[in-house]
């Protein structure tokens, strides 16, 4: 996970608000925050999925979250990236 985390420049801990401010699409899903991030490589647009978990009872945009999974695979759209994140 470390290689993909560094490649996509994902913070280990953050808030949903900070992710959104960086243009990352997020979806609250229970105690998780799922994301679809954009990645441009070899002249083509791709998407990756990732999952964060809330570390406190504050599940608002300012709640603290911790990275728990990042896809090694790149997807052709954000929907498939979110689908991957829902399963992890």
C-alpha atoms as a PDB file:
ATOM      1  CA  UNK A   1       0.000   0.000   0.000  1.00  0.00           C
ATOM      2  CA  UNK A   2       2.915   2.352   0.652  1.00  0.00           C
ATOM      3  CA  UNK A   3       3.897   2.586  -3.030  1.00  0.00           C
ATOM      4  CA  UNK A   4       0.390   3.499  -4.160  1.00  0.00           C
ATOM      5  CA  UNK A   5      -0.060   5.876  -1.233  1.00  0.00           C
ATOM      6  CA  UNK A   6       3.081   7.741  -2.270  1.00  0.00           C
ATOM      7  CA  UNK A   7       2.163   7.645  -5.970  1.00  0.00           C
ATOM      8  CA  UNK A   8      -1.268   9.166  -5.333  1.00  0.00           C
ATOM      9  CA  UNK A   9       0.024  11.439  -2.541  1.00  0.00           C
ATOM     10  CA  UNK A  10      -2.616  10.259  -0.105  1.00  0.00           C
ATOM     11  CA  UNK A  11      -2.208  11.289   3.524  1.00  0.00           C
ATOM     12  CA  UNK A  12      -2.294   8.540   6.159  1.00  0.00           C
ATOM     13  CA  UNK A  13      -4.559  10.675   8.354  1.00  0.00           C
ATOM     14  CA  UNK A  14      -6.726  13.595   7.298  1.00  0.00           C
ATOM     15  CA  UNK A  15     -10.354  14.795   7.246  1.00  0.00           C
ATOM     16  CA  UNK A  16     -13.033  14.324   4.577  1.00  0.00           C
ATOM     17  CA  UNK A  17     -13.029  18.085   4.088  1.00  0.00           C
ATOM     18  CA  UNK A  18      -9.319  18.149   3.257  1.00  0.00           C
ATOM     19  CA  UNK A  19      -9.748  15.358   0.697  1.00  0.00           C
ATOM     20  CA  UNK A  20     -12.601  17.213  -0.999  1.00  0.00           C
ATOM     21  CA  UNK A  21     -10.607  20.443  -1.070  1.00  0.00           C
ATOM     22  CA  UNK A  22      -7.973  18.554  -3.091  1.00  0.00           C
ATOM     23  CA  UNK A  23     -10.574  17.633  -5.714  1.00  0.00           C
ATOM     24  CA  UNK A  24     -10.974  14.015  -4.634  1.00  0.00           C
ATOM     25  CA  UNK A  25     -14.472  12.549  -4.888  1.00  0.00           C
ATOM     26  CA  UNK A  26     -15.607  11.080  -1.591  1.00  0.00           C
ATOM     27  CA  UNK A  27     -18.594   9.142  -0.331  1.00  0.00           C
ATOM     28  CA  UNK A  28     -19.511   8.638   3.324  1.00  0.00           C
ATOM     29  CA  UNK A  29     -20.358   4.978   3.871  1.00  0.00           C
ATOM     30  CA  UNK A  30     -21.112   4.135   7.510  1.00  0.00           C
ATOM     31  CA  UNK A  31     -17.925   4.613   9.498  1.00  0.00           C
ATOM     32  CA  UNK A  32     -15.860   4.814   6.315  1.00  0.00           C
ATOM     33  CA  UNK A  33     -15.052   7.476   3.773  1.00  0.00           C
ATOM     34  CA  UNK A  34     -14.602   6.005   0.319  1.00  0.00           C
ATOM     35  CA  UNK A  35     -12.862   7.888  -2.432  1.00  0.00           C
ATOM     36  CA  UNK A  36     -12.257   7.897  -6.139  1.00  0.00           C
ATOM     37  CA  UNK A  37      -9.120   9.771  -7.039  1.00  0.00           C
ATOM     38  CA  UNK A  38      -8.059  10.938 -10.479  1.00  0.00           C
ATOM     39  CA  UNK A  39      -4.700   9.830 -11.870  1.00  0.00           C
ATOM     40  CA  UNK A  40      -3.246  10.827 -15.253  1.00  0.00           C
ATOM     41  CA  UNK A  41      -0.716   8.383 -16.703  1.00  0.00           C
ATOM     42  CA  UNK A  42       0.662   7.672 -20.176  1.00  0.00           C
ATOM     43  CA  UNK A  43      -1.594  10.267 -21.763  1.00  0.00           C
ATOM     44  CA  UNK A  44      -4.783   8.809 -20.333  1.00  0.00           C
ATOM     45  CA  UNK A  45      -7.118   9.509 -17.415  1.00  0.00           C
ATOM     46  CA  UNK A  46      -7.522   6.814 -14.774  1.00  0.00           C
ATOM     47  CA  UNK A  47      -9.158   6.503 -11.355  1.00  0.00           C
ATOM     48  CA  UNK A  48      -8.059   4.705  -8.186  1.00  0.00           C
ATOM     49  CA  UNK A  49     -10.068   3.719  -5.141  1.00  0.00           C
ATOM     50  CA  UNK A  50      -9.242   4.128  -1.486  1.00  0.00           C
ATOM     51  CA  UNK A  51     -10.935   3.713   1.875  1.00  0.00           C
ATOM     52  CA  UNK A  52     -10.530   5.665   5.087  1.00  0.00           C
ATOM     53  CA  UNK A  53     -12.054   4.881   8.491  1.00  0.00           C
ATOM     54  CA  UNK A  54     -13.169   7.461  11.047  1.00  0.00           C
ATOM     55  CA  UNK A  55     -10.973   7.419  14.140  1.00  0.00           C
ATOM     56  CA  UNK A  56     -13.368   9.409  16.338  1.00  0.00           C
ATOM     57  CA  UNK A  57     -17.126   9.615  16.877  1.00  0.00           C
ATOM     58  CA  UNK A  58     -17.165  12.826  14.836  1.00  0.00           C
ATOM     59  CA  UNK A  59     -18.393  11.626  11.424  1.00  0.00           C
ATOM     60  CA  UNK A  60     -18.725  15.098   9.932  1.00  0.00           C
ATOM     61  CA  UNK A  61     -16.514  16.704   7.295  1.00  0.00           C
ATOM     62  CA  UNK A  62     -14.118  17.698  10.095  1.00  0.00           C
ATOM     63  CA  UNK A  63     -13.830  14.222  11.661  1.00  0.00           C
ATOM     64  CA  UNK A  64     -10.425  12.569  11.666  1.00  0.00           C
ATOM     65  CA  UNK A  65      -9.972   9.623   9.308  1.00  0.00           C
ATOM     66  CA  UNK A  66      -7.195   7.065   8.719  1.00  0.00           C
ATOM     67  CA  UNK A  67      -6.273   5.400   5.426  1.00  0.00           C
ATOM     68  CA  UNK A  68      -7.037   1.658   5.435  1.00  0.00           C
ATOM     69  CA  UNK A  69      -6.892   0.531   1.762  1.00  0.00           C
ATOM     70  CA  UNK A  70      -5.719   1.761  -1.650  1.00  0.00           C
ATOM     71  CA  UNK A  71      -6.291  -0.018  -4.948  1.00  0.00           C
ATOM     72  CA  UNK A  72      -3.282  -1.302  -6.852  1.00  0.00           C
ATOM     73  CA  UNK A  73      -5.453  -1.399  -9.959  1.00  0.00           C
ATOM     74  CA  UNK A  74      -6.431   1.678 -11.984  1.00  0.00           C
ATOM     75  CA  UNK A  75     -10.005   2.012 -13.250  1.00  0.00           C
ATOM     76  CA  UNK A  76     -11.491   3.675 -16.327  1.00  0.00           C
ATOM     77  CA  UNK A  77     -14.046   5.664 -14.315  1.00  0.00           C
ATOM     78  CA  UNK A  78     -14.791   6.888 -10.811  1.00  0.00           C
ATOM     79  CA  UNK A  79     -17.761   4.527 -10.350  1.00  0.00           C
ATOM     80  CA  UNK A  80     -15.585   1.435 -10.602  1.00  0.00           C
ATOM     81  CA  UNK A  81     -13.059   2.989  -8.232  1.00  0.00           C
ATOM     82  CA  UNK A  82     -15.802   3.592  -5.636  1.00  0.00           C
ATOM     83  CA  UNK A  83     -17.107   0.041  -6.183  1.00  0.00           C
ATOM     84  CA  UNK A  84     -13.628  -1.264  -5.354  1.00  0.00           C
ATOM     85  CA  UNK A  85     -13.468   0.899  -2.221  1.00  0.00           C
ATOM     86  CA  UNK A  86     -16.887  -0.378  -1.040  1.00  0.00           C
ATOM     87  CA  UNK A  87     -15.482  -3.904  -0.983  1.00  0.00           C
ATOM     88  CA  UNK A  88     -12.410  -2.982   1.076  1.00  0.00           C
END
